[in-house]
């Protein structure tokens, strides 16, 4: 019988009680392992560089450097960076939006229950699903700093790639997009890669935000 390697997690929050609560919830799951903690943004960068976790749960507002800058530094300096999930009190916080623009894979509310927390970690570590797509769309629509004219990448997308980006924004996985478009999963994977390359984004979350900022979601 084979066993799966646990998802390795780092917790970054300046409140010890928050870190303790997150650790207790996550450590109770056999497929999840908390390998490190950080109380400041600078410490988070250092711990992540040393331990190379799969997922980081990152508070936005921390001493020294905030979660946004910490996210930027981690993603800019590691060849194979972890997936970073912002943990926040307010879902419409502009800090959260800036963290997503910086490359965070999604966000999670501190008041979320244990099941939502565990599911979020599993989703970002194992699947291509957009984490809480309706919340990401609402945040992007509210905070997007629209371009006066569409950026050049909009015109470079093929019709198929445009369809894929819209379906990505709805939160569909590659498999679901393949069924919707009646094409093979490999074809969808190729389209997604092209969308990320042309939009200059790291992952689905950044691509969706770029789409809203460009006014792409309102255009046909």
N, C-alpha and C. Protein backbone atom coordinates (compact mmCIF):
# COMPACT_ATOMS: atom_id res chain seq x y z
N UNK A 1 0.85 -1.19 0.00
CA UNK A 1 0.00 0.00 0.00
C UNK A 1 0.88 1.24 0.00
N UNK A 2 0.65 2.16 -0.95
CA UNK A 2 1.45 3.37 -1.05
C UNK A 2 0.79 4.50 -0.26
N UNK A 3 1.59 5.39 0.24
CA UNK A 3 1.08 6.55 0.96
C UNK A 3 1.53 7.81 0.25
N UNK A 4 0.67 8.82 0.26
CA UNK A 4 0.98 10.08 -0.40
C UNK A 4 1.86 10.94 0.52
N UNK A 5 2.77 11.67 -0.08
CA UNK A 5 3.58 12.61 0.68
C UNK A 5 2.70 13.76 1.15
N UNK A 6 2.71 14.08 2.44
CA UNK A 6 1.85 15.16 2.94
C UNK A 6 2.18 16.50 2.29
N UNK A 7 1.19 17.34 2.17
CA UNK A 7 1.39 18.72 1.72
C UNK A 7 2.09 19.47 2.85
N UNK A 8 3.22 20.08 2.54
CA UNK A 8 4.03 20.78 3.54
C UNK A 8 3.63 22.26 3.57
N UNK A 9 3.33 22.76 4.76
CA UNK A 9 2.72 24.09 4.91
C UNK A 9 3.53 24.95 5.86
N UNK A 10 3.65 26.23 5.52
CA UNK A 10 4.21 27.23 6.43
C UNK A 10 3.11 28.22 6.78
N UNK A 11 3.01 28.57 8.06
CA UNK A 11 2.02 29.53 8.55
C UNK A 11 2.71 30.86 8.85
N UNK A 12 2.23 31.94 8.27
CA UNK A 12 2.82 33.26 8.50
C UNK A 12 1.74 34.21 9.02
N UNK A 13 1.82 34.53 10.30
CA UNK A 13 0.85 35.42 10.94
C UNK A 13 1.49 35.99 12.19
N UNK A 14 1.29 37.27 12.46
CA UNK A 14 1.93 37.86 13.63
C UNK A 14 1.22 37.54 14.94
N UNK A 15 0.07 36.89 14.87
CA UNK A 15 -0.65 36.50 16.08
C UNK A 15 -0.41 35.02 16.37
N UNK A 16 0.19 34.76 17.53
CA UNK A 16 0.51 33.39 17.90
C UNK A 16 -0.75 32.52 17.99
N UNK A 17 -1.84 33.09 18.51
CA UNK A 17 -3.07 32.31 18.67
C UNK A 17 -3.63 31.88 17.32
N UNK A 18 -3.51 32.75 16.33
CA UNK A 18 -3.99 32.40 15.00
C UNK A 18 -3.16 31.26 14.43
N UNK A 19 -1.83 31.35 14.56
CA UNK A 19 -0.97 30.28 14.07
C UNK A 19 -1.26 28.97 14.79
N UNK A 20 -1.48 29.04 16.08
CA UNK A 20 -1.77 27.82 16.86
C UNK A 20 -3.07 27.18 16.41
N UNK A 21 -4.08 28.01 16.14
CA UNK A 21 -5.37 27.48 15.70
C UNK A 21 -5.26 26.83 14.32
N UNK A 22 -4.54 27.50 13.42
CA UNK A 22 -4.35 26.94 12.08
C UNK A 22 -3.56 25.63 12.15
N UNK A 23 -2.52 25.62 12.97
CA UNK A 23 -1.71 24.40 13.11
C UNK A 23 -2.56 23.24 13.64
N UNK A 24 -3.39 23.50 14.63
CA UNK A 24 -4.21 22.45 15.22
C UNK A 24 -5.15 21.84 14.19
N UNK A 25 -5.75 22.69 13.37
CA UNK A 25 -6.70 22.21 12.35
C UNK A 25 -5.98 21.41 11.27
N UNK A 26 -4.90 21.96 10.77
CA UNK A 26 -4.20 21.33 9.64
C UNK A 26 -3.46 20.06 10.07
N UNK A 27 -2.88 20.07 11.24
CA UNK A 27 -2.10 18.92 11.70
C UNK A 27 -2.97 17.71 12.00
N UNK A 28 -4.28 17.93 12.13
CA UNK A 28 -5.19 16.82 12.38
C UNK A 28 -5.47 16.00 11.13
N UNK A 29 -5.03 16.53 9.97
CA UNK A 29 -5.26 15.84 8.71
C UNK A 29 -4.02 15.04 8.31
N UNK A 30 -4.17 13.76 7.97
CA UNK A 30 -3.01 12.92 7.68
C UNK A 30 -2.23 13.33 6.43
N UNK A 31 -2.89 14.07 5.52
CA UNK A 31 -2.22 14.45 4.27
C UNK A 31 -1.66 15.86 4.31
N UNK A 32 -1.71 16.51 5.49
CA UNK A 32 -1.22 17.88 5.63
C UNK A 32 -0.21 17.93 6.78
N UNK A 33 0.86 18.71 6.60
CA UNK A 33 1.90 18.81 7.61
C UNK A 33 2.38 20.26 7.72
N UNK A 34 2.25 20.85 8.90
CA UNK A 34 2.78 22.19 9.14
C UNK A 34 4.26 22.05 9.48
N UNK A 35 5.12 22.59 8.64
CA UNK A 35 6.56 22.41 8.82
C UNK A 35 7.25 23.64 9.38
N UNK A 36 6.56 24.78 9.42
CA UNK A 36 7.21 25.98 9.93
C UNK A 36 6.22 27.10 10.15
N UNK A 37 6.66 28.11 10.93
CA UNK A 37 5.84 29.28 11.23
C UNK A 37 6.69 30.54 11.12
N UNK A 38 6.01 31.66 10.92
CA UNK A 38 6.69 32.95 10.88
C UNK A 38 5.76 34.01 11.47
N UNK A 39 6.36 34.96 12.19
CA UNK A 39 5.57 36.00 12.85
C UNK A 39 5.68 37.35 12.15
N UNK A 40 6.57 37.47 11.17
CA UNK A 40 6.72 38.71 10.40
C UNK A 40 6.86 38.36 8.92
N UNK A 41 6.69 39.36 8.08
CA UNK A 41 6.85 39.13 6.66
C UNK A 41 8.27 38.73 6.29
N UNK A 42 9.24 39.39 6.90
CA UNK A 42 10.64 39.07 6.62
C UNK A 42 10.96 37.64 7.06
N UNK A 43 10.45 37.26 8.21
CA UNK A 43 10.67 35.90 8.70
C UNK A 43 10.01 34.89 7.78
N UNK A 44 8.85 35.24 7.24
CA UNK A 44 8.16 34.34 6.32
C UNK A 44 9.03 34.05 5.10
N UNK A 45 9.63 35.09 4.55
CA UNK A 45 10.50 34.91 3.38
C UNK A 45 11.65 33.97 3.72
N UNK A 46 12.28 34.20 4.87
CA UNK A 46 13.42 33.38 5.28
C UNK A 46 13.02 31.93 5.52
N UNK A 47 11.91 31.72 6.22
CA UNK A 47 11.45 30.36 6.53
C UNK A 47 11.09 29.61 5.26
N UNK A 48 10.41 30.28 4.35
CA UNK A 48 10.01 29.62 3.10
C UNK A 48 11.23 29.26 2.26
N UNK A 49 12.21 30.14 2.20
CA UNK A 49 13.43 29.84 1.45
C UNK A 49 14.15 28.64 2.03
N UNK A 50 14.12 28.51 3.35
CA UNK A 50 14.82 27.40 4.01
C UNK A 50 14.06 26.08 3.89
N UNK A 51 12.75 26.10 4.09
CA UNK A 51 11.97 24.87 4.20
C UNK A 51 11.33 24.43 2.89
N UNK A 52 11.17 25.34 1.96
CA UNK A 52 10.57 25.03 0.65
C UNK A 52 9.25 24.26 0.79
N UNK A 53 8.25 24.88 1.42
CA UNK A 53 6.95 24.21 1.58
C UNK A 53 6.19 24.18 0.26
N UNK A 54 5.08 23.46 0.26
CA UNK A 54 4.19 23.42 -0.90
C UNK A 54 3.20 24.57 -0.88
N UNK A 55 2.76 24.93 0.33
CA UNK A 55 1.74 25.97 0.50
C UNK A 55 2.14 26.88 1.66
N UNK A 56 1.88 28.19 1.48
CA UNK A 56 2.07 29.16 2.56
C UNK A 56 0.74 29.83 2.83
N UNK A 57 0.33 29.84 4.09
CA UNK A 57 -0.83 30.63 4.51
C UNK A 57 -0.29 31.94 5.06
N UNK A 58 -0.54 33.02 4.34
CA UNK A 58 0.13 34.30 4.57
C UNK A 58 -0.84 35.38 5.04
N UNK A 59 -0.61 35.88 6.25
CA UNK A 59 -1.36 37.04 6.72
C UNK A 59 -0.94 38.25 5.88
N UNK A 60 -1.87 39.18 5.67
CA UNK A 60 -1.55 40.34 4.85
C UNK A 60 -0.79 41.40 5.64
N UNK A 61 -1.25 41.69 6.84
CA UNK A 61 -0.68 42.78 7.62
C UNK A 61 0.22 42.21 8.72
N UNK A 62 1.53 42.35 8.52
CA UNK A 62 2.51 41.86 9.48
C UNK A 62 3.63 42.87 9.63
N UNK A 63 4.38 42.79 10.74
CA UNK A 63 5.50 43.73 10.95
C UNK A 63 6.63 43.51 9.95
N UNK A 64 7.52 44.51 9.90
CA UNK A 64 8.73 44.51 9.07
C UNK A 64 8.38 44.68 7.59
N UNK A 65 7.90 43.63 6.96
CA UNK A 65 7.32 43.77 5.62
C UNK A 65 5.98 43.06 5.63
N UNK A 66 5.02 43.58 4.87
CA UNK A 66 3.70 42.97 4.91
C UNK A 66 3.63 41.74 4.01
N UNK A 67 2.47 41.09 4.03
CA UNK A 67 2.30 39.87 3.26
C UNK A 67 2.40 40.06 1.76
N UNK A 68 2.10 41.26 1.30
CA UNK A 68 2.20 41.54 -0.13
C UNK A 68 3.67 41.52 -0.57
N UNK A 69 4.51 42.27 0.15
CA UNK A 69 5.93 42.30 -0.18
C UNK A 69 6.57 40.92 0.02
N UNK A 70 6.15 40.22 1.07
CA UNK A 70 6.69 38.88 1.32
C UNK A 70 6.34 37.94 0.17
N UNK A 71 5.11 38.05 -0.31
CA UNK A 71 4.68 37.23 -1.45
C UNK A 71 5.52 37.54 -2.68
N UNK A 72 5.72 38.82 -2.96
CA UNK A 72 6.53 39.22 -4.11
C UNK A 72 7.95 38.66 -4.01
N UNK A 73 8.55 38.76 -2.83
CA UNK A 73 9.93 38.32 -2.67
C UNK A 73 10.05 36.80 -2.82
N UNK A 74 9.10 36.08 -2.26
CA UNK A 74 9.13 34.61 -2.37
C UNK A 74 9.01 34.18 -3.82
N UNK A 75 8.05 34.75 -4.53
CA UNK A 75 7.82 34.34 -5.91
C UNK A 75 8.95 34.78 -6.84
N UNK A 76 9.61 35.87 -6.49
CA UNK A 76 10.68 36.40 -7.35
C UNK A 76 12.00 35.68 -7.16
N UNK A 77 12.19 35.04 -6.01
CA UNK A 77 13.51 34.50 -5.70
C UNK A 77 13.60 32.98 -5.69
N UNK A 78 12.48 32.30 -5.78
CA UNK A 78 12.51 30.84 -5.78
C UNK A 78 12.14 30.30 -7.15
N UNK A 79 12.90 29.34 -7.65
CA UNK A 79 12.63 28.76 -8.96
C UNK A 79 11.31 27.99 -8.98
N UNK A 80 11.02 27.29 -7.89
CA UNK A 80 9.79 26.52 -7.79
C UNK A 80 9.06 26.95 -6.52
N UNK A 81 8.43 28.13 -6.56
CA UNK A 81 7.85 28.70 -5.34
C UNK A 81 6.60 27.96 -4.88
N UNK A 82 6.26 28.10 -3.61
CA UNK A 82 5.04 27.47 -3.10
C UNK A 82 3.81 28.23 -3.57
N UNK A 83 2.68 27.62 -3.39
CA UNK A 83 1.42 28.31 -3.61
C UNK A 83 1.12 29.11 -2.36
N UNK A 84 0.82 30.38 -2.54
CA UNK A 84 0.59 31.27 -1.40
C UNK A 84 -0.88 31.63 -1.32
N UNK A 85 -1.48 31.38 -0.17
CA UNK A 85 -2.88 31.73 0.08
C UNK A 85 -2.91 32.82 1.14
N UNK A 86 -3.51 33.94 0.83
CA UNK A 86 -3.61 35.05 1.77
C UNK A 86 -4.74 34.75 2.76
N UNK A 87 -4.44 34.90 4.03
CA UNK A 87 -5.45 34.71 5.08
C UNK A 87 -5.78 36.09 5.64
N UNK A 88 -7.06 36.46 5.57
CA UNK A 88 -7.43 37.84 5.85
C UNK A 88 -8.73 37.93 6.65
N UNK A 89 -8.93 39.07 7.28
CA UNK A 89 -10.16 39.31 8.03
C UNK A 89 -11.26 39.81 7.12
N UNK A 90 -10.91 40.65 6.15
CA UNK A 90 -11.91 41.27 5.28
C UNK A 90 -11.65 40.90 3.83
N UNK A 91 -12.66 40.33 3.17
CA UNK A 91 -12.46 39.84 1.82
C UNK A 91 -12.37 40.95 0.78
N UNK A 92 -12.88 42.15 1.09
CA UNK A 92 -12.81 43.24 0.11
C UNK A 92 -11.67 44.20 0.41
N UNK A 93 -10.74 43.77 1.23
CA UNK A 93 -9.59 44.59 1.60
C UNK A 93 -8.71 44.83 0.38
N UNK A 94 -8.30 46.07 0.16
CA UNK A 94 -7.43 46.37 -0.98
C UNK A 94 -6.08 45.67 -0.84
N UNK A 95 -5.67 45.38 0.40
CA UNK A 95 -4.43 44.65 0.62
C UNK A 95 -4.52 43.25 0.00
N UNK A 96 -5.68 42.64 0.12
CA UNK A 96 -5.88 41.30 -0.44
C UNK A 96 -5.78 41.36 -1.96
N UNK A 97 -6.41 42.35 -2.54
CA UNK A 97 -6.34 42.49 -3.99
C UNK A 97 -4.91 42.69 -4.47
N UNK A 98 -4.17 43.51 -3.75
CA UNK A 98 -2.77 43.73 -4.11
C UNK A 98 -1.95 42.45 -3.96
N UNK A 99 -2.27 41.64 -2.96
CA UNK A 99 -1.56 40.37 -2.78
C UNK A 99 -1.86 39.42 -3.93
N UNK A 100 -3.10 39.40 -4.39
CA UNK A 100 -3.45 38.55 -5.53
C UNK A 100 -2.74 39.04 -6.79
N UNK A 101 -2.67 40.34 -6.96
CA UNK A 101 -1.94 40.89 -8.11
C UNK A 101 -0.46 40.55 -8.03
N UNK A 102 0.05 40.44 -6.80
CA UNK A 102 1.46 40.12 -6.61
C UNK A 102 1.77 38.65 -6.86
N UNK A 103 0.73 37.82 -6.93
CA UNK A 103 0.96 36.43 -7.24
C UNK A 103 0.39 35.41 -6.29
N UNK A 104 -0.31 35.85 -5.25
CA UNK A 104 -0.96 34.90 -4.36
C UNK A 104 -1.99 34.09 -5.15
N UNK A 105 -2.12 32.80 -4.81
CA UNK A 105 -3.01 31.92 -5.56
C UNK A 105 -4.46 32.09 -5.19
N UNK A 106 -4.73 32.75 -4.07
CA UNK A 106 -6.10 32.95 -3.63
C UNK A 106 -6.11 33.51 -2.23
N UNK A 107 -7.31 33.64 -1.66
CA UNK A 107 -7.38 34.13 -0.30
C UNK A 107 -8.43 33.37 0.49
N UNK A 108 -8.28 33.42 1.81
CA UNK A 108 -9.14 32.69 2.72
C UNK A 108 -9.46 33.60 3.90
N UNK A 109 -10.71 33.64 4.30
CA UNK A 109 -11.10 34.48 5.43
C UNK A 109 -10.74 33.80 6.75
N UNK A 110 -10.28 34.60 7.72
CA UNK A 110 -9.90 34.04 9.01
C UNK A 110 -11.08 33.41 9.73
N UNK A 111 -12.29 33.84 9.40
CA UNK A 111 -13.45 33.26 10.05
C UNK A 111 -13.93 31.98 9.38
N UNK A 112 -13.24 31.53 8.34
CA UNK A 112 -13.64 30.29 7.66
C UNK A 112 -13.57 29.11 8.62
N UNK A 113 -14.46 28.14 8.41
CA UNK A 113 -14.45 26.99 9.30
C UNK A 113 -13.33 26.03 8.91
N UNK A 114 -13.13 25.02 9.75
CA UNK A 114 -12.02 24.10 9.56
C UNK A 114 -12.09 23.37 8.22
N UNK A 115 -13.28 22.96 7.82
CA UNK A 115 -13.42 22.23 6.56
C UNK A 115 -13.01 23.10 5.38
N UNK A 116 -13.40 24.39 5.39
CA UNK A 116 -13.04 25.29 4.30
C UNK A 116 -11.53 25.50 4.24
N UNK A 117 -10.90 25.60 5.40
CA UNK A 117 -9.45 25.78 5.46
C UNK A 117 -8.73 24.58 4.86
N UNK A 118 -9.11 23.40 5.30
CA UNK A 118 -8.47 22.18 4.81
C UNK A 118 -8.68 22.01 3.31
N UNK A 119 -9.92 22.25 2.87
CA UNK A 119 -10.23 22.11 1.46
C UNK A 119 -9.44 23.11 0.61
N UNK A 120 -9.27 24.33 1.11
CA UNK A 120 -8.52 25.35 0.37
C UNK A 120 -7.07 24.92 0.18
N UNK A 121 -6.45 24.41 1.22
CA UNK A 121 -5.06 23.97 1.12
C UNK A 121 -4.93 22.83 0.13
N UNK A 122 -5.85 21.89 0.19
CA UNK A 122 -5.81 20.76 -0.75
C UNK A 122 -6.02 21.22 -2.18
N UNK A 123 -6.94 22.14 -2.38
CA UNK A 123 -7.23 22.62 -3.73
C UNK A 123 -6.02 23.29 -4.37
N UNK A 124 -5.40 24.22 -3.65
CA UNK A 124 -4.29 24.95 -4.25
C UNK A 124 -3.05 24.08 -4.45
N UNK A 125 -2.94 23.01 -3.66
CA UNK A 125 -1.74 22.18 -3.77
C UNK A 125 -1.88 21.07 -4.79
N UNK A 126 -3.10 20.63 -5.06
CA UNK A 126 -3.27 19.44 -5.89
C UNK A 126 -4.04 19.65 -7.20
N UNK A 127 -4.73 20.77 -7.35
CA UNK A 127 -5.60 20.91 -8.52
C UNK A 127 -5.35 22.24 -9.23
N UNK A 128 -5.99 22.39 -10.39
CA UNK A 128 -5.90 23.64 -11.14
C UNK A 128 -7.14 24.50 -10.92
N UNK A 129 -7.89 24.22 -9.86
CA UNK A 129 -9.10 24.96 -9.57
C UNK A 129 -8.78 26.35 -9.04
N UNK A 130 -9.55 27.34 -9.47
CA UNK A 130 -9.44 28.69 -8.94
C UNK A 130 -10.10 28.70 -7.56
N UNK A 131 -9.37 29.11 -6.55
CA UNK A 131 -9.87 29.08 -5.18
C UNK A 131 -10.93 30.15 -4.97
N UNK A 132 -12.16 29.71 -4.59
CA UNK A 132 -13.28 30.61 -4.35
C UNK A 132 -13.47 31.60 -5.50
N UNK A 133 -13.80 31.09 -6.70
CA UNK A 133 -13.85 31.95 -7.89
C UNK A 133 -14.81 33.12 -7.79
N UNK A 134 -15.97 32.93 -7.16
CA UNK A 134 -16.92 34.04 -7.08
C UNK A 134 -16.35 35.18 -6.24
N UNK A 135 -15.63 34.84 -5.17
CA UNK A 135 -15.03 35.86 -4.32
C UNK A 135 -13.91 36.59 -5.05
N UNK A 136 -13.11 35.85 -5.81
CA UNK A 136 -12.04 36.47 -6.59
C UNK A 136 -12.62 37.40 -7.64
N UNK A 137 -13.69 36.95 -8.32
CA UNK A 137 -14.33 37.80 -9.33
C UNK A 137 -14.86 39.09 -8.71
N UNK A 138 -15.52 38.96 -7.55
CA UNK A 138 -16.09 40.14 -6.89
C UNK A 138 -14.99 41.11 -6.48
N UNK A 139 -13.90 40.58 -5.96
CA UNK A 139 -12.78 41.42 -5.55
C UNK A 139 -12.15 42.11 -6.74
N UNK A 140 -11.97 41.35 -7.83
CA UNK A 140 -11.37 41.92 -9.03
C UNK A 140 -12.25 43.01 -9.62
N UNK A 141 -13.56 42.77 -9.65
CA UNK A 141 -14.47 43.76 -10.21
C UNK A 141 -14.49 45.04 -9.38
N UNK A 142 -14.35 44.90 -8.06
CA UNK A 142 -14.42 46.07 -7.17
C UNK A 142 -13.14 46.89 -7.17
N UNK A 143 -11.99 46.21 -7.24
CA UNK A 143 -10.72 46.90 -7.06
C UNK A 143 -9.92 47.09 -8.34
N UNK A 144 -10.38 46.50 -9.44
CA UNK A 144 -9.59 46.56 -10.66
C UNK A 144 -9.31 48.01 -11.07
N UNK A 145 -8.06 48.27 -11.40
CA UNK A 145 -7.65 49.58 -11.89
C UNK A 145 -7.60 49.49 -13.41
N UNK A 146 -8.71 49.81 -14.04
CA UNK A 146 -8.86 49.56 -15.47
C UNK A 146 -7.89 50.37 -16.31
N UNK A 147 -7.43 49.74 -17.40
CA UNK A 147 -6.58 50.43 -18.36
C UNK A 147 -7.45 51.39 -19.19
N UNK A 148 -6.91 52.54 -19.60
CA UNK A 148 -7.69 53.44 -20.45
C UNK A 148 -8.00 52.79 -21.80
N UNK A 149 -7.11 51.96 -22.29
CA UNK A 149 -7.35 51.17 -23.49
C UNK A 149 -6.91 49.73 -23.20
N UNK A 150 -7.49 48.75 -23.88
CA UNK A 150 -7.11 47.36 -23.63
C UNK A 150 -5.62 47.14 -23.87
N UNK A 151 -4.95 46.38 -23.01
CA UNK A 151 -3.53 46.09 -23.23
C UNK A 151 -3.35 45.24 -24.47
N UNK A 152 -2.16 45.21 -25.05
CA UNK A 152 -1.93 44.49 -26.32
C UNK A 152 -2.27 43.01 -26.27
N UNK A 153 -2.17 42.37 -25.10
CA UNK A 153 -2.40 40.92 -25.06
C UNK A 153 -3.83 40.55 -25.43
N UNK A 154 -4.78 41.47 -25.23
CA UNK A 154 -6.18 41.16 -25.54
C UNK A 154 -6.33 40.82 -27.02
N UNK A 155 -5.68 41.60 -27.89
CA UNK A 155 -5.77 41.36 -29.33
C UNK A 155 -4.99 40.11 -29.75
N UNK A 156 -4.03 39.71 -28.94
CA UNK A 156 -3.22 38.55 -29.30
C UNK A 156 -3.88 37.21 -28.97
N UNK A 157 -4.90 37.24 -28.13
CA UNK A 157 -5.60 36.00 -27.79
C UNK A 157 -6.40 35.50 -28.99
N UNK A 158 -6.32 34.21 -29.25
CA UNK A 158 -7.19 33.62 -30.27
C UNK A 158 -8.60 33.51 -29.70
N UNK A 159 -9.57 33.21 -30.57
CA UNK A 159 -10.95 33.07 -30.11
C UNK A 159 -11.06 31.96 -29.07
N UNK A 160 -10.36 30.84 -29.29
CA UNK A 160 -10.38 29.73 -28.35
C UNK A 160 -9.76 30.12 -27.02
N UNK A 161 -8.65 30.84 -27.08
CA UNK A 161 -7.99 31.27 -25.85
C UNK A 161 -8.87 32.24 -25.07
N UNK A 162 -9.59 33.09 -25.78
CA UNK A 162 -10.51 34.01 -25.12
C UNK A 162 -11.60 33.24 -24.40
N UNK A 163 -12.14 32.22 -25.05
CA UNK A 163 -13.16 31.39 -24.42
C UNK A 163 -12.61 30.69 -23.17
N UNK A 164 -11.39 30.20 -23.28
CA UNK A 164 -10.77 29.52 -22.15
C UNK A 164 -10.59 30.48 -20.98
N UNK A 165 -10.14 31.70 -21.23
CA UNK A 165 -9.94 32.66 -20.16
C UNK A 165 -11.26 32.97 -19.46
N UNK A 166 -12.33 33.12 -20.20
CA UNK A 166 -13.62 33.39 -19.58
C UNK A 166 -14.08 32.21 -18.71
N UNK A 167 -13.83 31.00 -19.17
CA UNK A 167 -14.20 29.82 -18.39
C UNK A 167 -13.30 29.67 -17.17
N UNK A 168 -12.03 30.04 -17.31
CA UNK A 168 -11.14 30.05 -16.15
C UNK A 168 -11.68 31.00 -15.08
N UNK A 169 -12.18 32.16 -15.52
CA UNK A 169 -12.70 33.15 -14.59
C UNK A 169 -13.95 32.65 -13.87
N UNK A 170 -14.65 31.72 -14.48
CA UNK A 170 -15.83 31.13 -13.84
C UNK A 170 -15.45 30.08 -12.81
N UNK A 171 -14.16 29.73 -12.77
CA UNK A 171 -13.70 28.76 -11.79
C UNK A 171 -13.64 27.33 -12.30
N UNK A 172 -13.78 27.14 -13.61
CA UNK A 172 -13.76 25.78 -14.15
C UNK A 172 -12.33 25.24 -14.19
N UNK A 173 -12.19 23.97 -13.91
CA UNK A 173 -10.90 23.30 -14.02
C UNK A 173 -10.63 22.99 -15.49
N UNK A 174 -9.42 22.53 -15.78
CA UNK A 174 -9.10 22.13 -17.16
C UNK A 174 -10.03 21.04 -17.66
N UNK A 175 -10.32 20.07 -16.78
CA UNK A 175 -11.20 18.97 -17.19
C UNK A 175 -12.60 19.49 -17.50
N UNK A 176 -13.09 20.41 -16.69
CA UNK A 176 -14.43 20.96 -16.92
C UNK A 176 -14.47 21.81 -18.18
N UNK A 177 -13.39 22.56 -18.42
CA UNK A 177 -13.32 23.36 -19.66
C UNK A 177 -13.30 22.44 -20.87
N UNK A 178 -12.56 21.34 -20.78
CA UNK A 178 -12.49 20.39 -21.88
C UNK A 178 -13.88 19.85 -22.22
N UNK A 179 -14.64 19.50 -21.20
CA UNK A 179 -16.00 18.99 -21.45
C UNK A 179 -16.88 20.08 -22.04
N UNK A 180 -16.78 21.29 -21.53
CA UNK A 180 -17.61 22.39 -22.03
C UNK A 180 -17.30 22.71 -23.49
N UNK A 181 -16.01 22.68 -23.83
CA UNK A 181 -15.60 23.04 -25.19
C UNK A 181 -15.53 21.84 -26.13
N UNK A 182 -15.74 20.65 -25.56
CA UNK A 182 -15.71 19.40 -26.32
C UNK A 182 -14.37 19.21 -27.03
N UNK A 183 -13.31 19.38 -26.25
CA UNK A 183 -11.95 19.14 -26.73
C UNK A 183 -11.23 18.29 -25.69
N UNK A 184 -10.04 17.84 -26.02
CA UNK A 184 -9.27 17.03 -25.10
C UNK A 184 -8.60 17.86 -24.02
N UNK A 185 -8.30 17.25 -22.86
CA UNK A 185 -7.63 17.95 -21.77
C UNK A 185 -6.28 18.53 -22.18
N UNK A 186 -5.55 17.84 -23.04
CA UNK A 186 -4.25 18.33 -23.49
C UNK A 186 -4.41 19.63 -24.27
N UNK A 187 -5.47 19.72 -25.05
CA UNK A 187 -5.74 20.94 -25.82
C UNK A 187 -6.02 22.11 -24.88
N UNK A 188 -6.81 21.84 -23.85
CA UNK A 188 -7.12 22.90 -22.88
C UNK A 188 -5.86 23.33 -22.15
N UNK A 189 -5.05 22.38 -21.75
CA UNK A 189 -3.81 22.70 -21.06
C UNK A 189 -2.93 23.60 -21.91
N UNK A 190 -2.89 23.32 -23.21
CA UNK A 190 -2.12 24.14 -24.13
C UNK A 190 -2.69 25.55 -24.22
N UNK A 191 -4.03 25.65 -24.27
CA UNK A 191 -4.68 26.96 -24.33
C UNK A 191 -4.41 27.76 -23.06
N UNK A 192 -4.50 27.11 -21.91
CA UNK A 192 -4.26 27.79 -20.63
C UNK A 192 -2.82 28.31 -20.58
N UNK A 193 -1.88 27.49 -21.00
CA UNK A 193 -0.48 27.92 -21.02
C UNK A 193 -0.31 29.14 -21.92
N UNK A 194 -1.00 29.14 -23.06
CA UNK A 194 -0.91 30.29 -23.97
C UNK A 194 -1.52 31.54 -23.35
N UNK A 195 -2.64 31.37 -22.64
CA UNK A 195 -3.29 32.50 -21.98
C UNK A 195 -2.35 33.11 -20.93
N UNK A 196 -1.73 32.26 -20.12
CA UNK A 196 -0.82 32.76 -19.09
C UNK A 196 0.38 33.47 -19.72
N UNK A 197 0.90 32.90 -20.79
CA UNK A 197 2.05 33.51 -21.45
C UNK A 197 1.69 34.86 -22.06
N UNK A 198 0.55 34.94 -22.74
CA UNK A 198 0.18 36.17 -23.42
C UNK A 198 -0.25 37.27 -22.45
N UNK A 199 -0.86 36.88 -21.32
CA UNK A 199 -1.26 37.88 -20.33
C UNK A 199 -0.10 38.23 -19.40
N UNK A 200 0.98 37.45 -19.47
CA UNK A 200 2.13 37.71 -18.61
C UNK A 200 1.84 37.43 -17.15
N UNK A 201 1.00 36.40 -16.90
CA UNK A 201 0.60 36.08 -15.54
C UNK A 201 1.14 34.72 -15.11
N UNK A 202 1.20 34.53 -13.78
CA UNK A 202 1.79 33.32 -13.22
C UNK A 202 0.80 32.17 -13.16
N UNK A 203 -0.46 32.48 -12.83
CA UNK A 203 -1.44 31.42 -12.63
C UNK A 203 -2.84 31.92 -12.95
N UNK A 204 -3.83 31.09 -12.68
CA UNK A 204 -5.21 31.40 -13.03
C UNK A 204 -5.72 32.65 -12.31
N UNK A 205 -5.38 32.78 -11.05
CA UNK A 205 -5.87 33.93 -10.29
C UNK A 205 -5.38 35.23 -10.91
N UNK A 206 -4.09 35.32 -11.20
CA UNK A 206 -3.56 36.53 -11.82
C UNK A 206 -4.16 36.76 -13.20
N UNK A 207 -4.41 35.69 -13.94
CA UNK A 207 -5.00 35.83 -15.28
C UNK A 207 -6.40 36.41 -15.19
N UNK A 208 -7.17 35.97 -14.21
CA UNK A 208 -8.53 36.48 -14.03
C UNK A 208 -8.50 37.97 -13.66
N UNK A 209 -7.59 38.33 -12.77
CA UNK A 209 -7.47 39.74 -12.38
C UNK A 209 -7.06 40.59 -13.58
N UNK A 210 -6.10 40.08 -14.36
CA UNK A 210 -5.68 40.81 -15.56
C UNK A 210 -6.85 40.98 -16.53
N UNK A 211 -7.69 39.96 -16.62
CA UNK A 211 -8.84 40.03 -17.53
C UNK A 211 -9.82 41.12 -17.10
N UNK A 212 -10.06 41.22 -15.81
CA UNK A 212 -10.97 42.26 -15.32
C UNK A 212 -10.37 43.65 -15.50
N UNK A 213 -9.10 43.78 -15.20
CA UNK A 213 -8.45 45.09 -15.33
C UNK A 213 -8.44 45.58 -16.79
N UNK A 214 -8.36 44.63 -17.70
CA UNK A 214 -8.32 44.99 -19.11
C UNK A 214 -9.71 45.25 -19.70
N UNK A 215 -10.74 45.04 -18.88
CA UNK A 215 -12.10 45.17 -19.40
C UNK A 215 -12.50 43.99 -20.27
N UNK A 216 -11.69 42.94 -20.26
CA UNK A 216 -11.91 41.78 -21.12
C UNK A 216 -13.20 41.06 -20.79
N UNK A 217 -13.54 40.97 -19.50
CA UNK A 217 -14.71 40.21 -19.08
C UNK A 217 -16.02 40.86 -19.53
N UNK A 218 -15.98 42.13 -19.86
CA UNK A 218 -17.19 42.84 -20.30
C UNK A 218 -17.28 42.93 -21.82
N UNK A 219 -16.25 42.44 -22.50
CA UNK A 219 -16.22 42.55 -23.96
C UNK A 219 -16.49 41.21 -24.59
N UNK A 220 -17.01 41.21 -25.77
CA UNK A 220 -17.27 39.97 -26.51
C UNK A 220 -16.71 40.15 -27.92
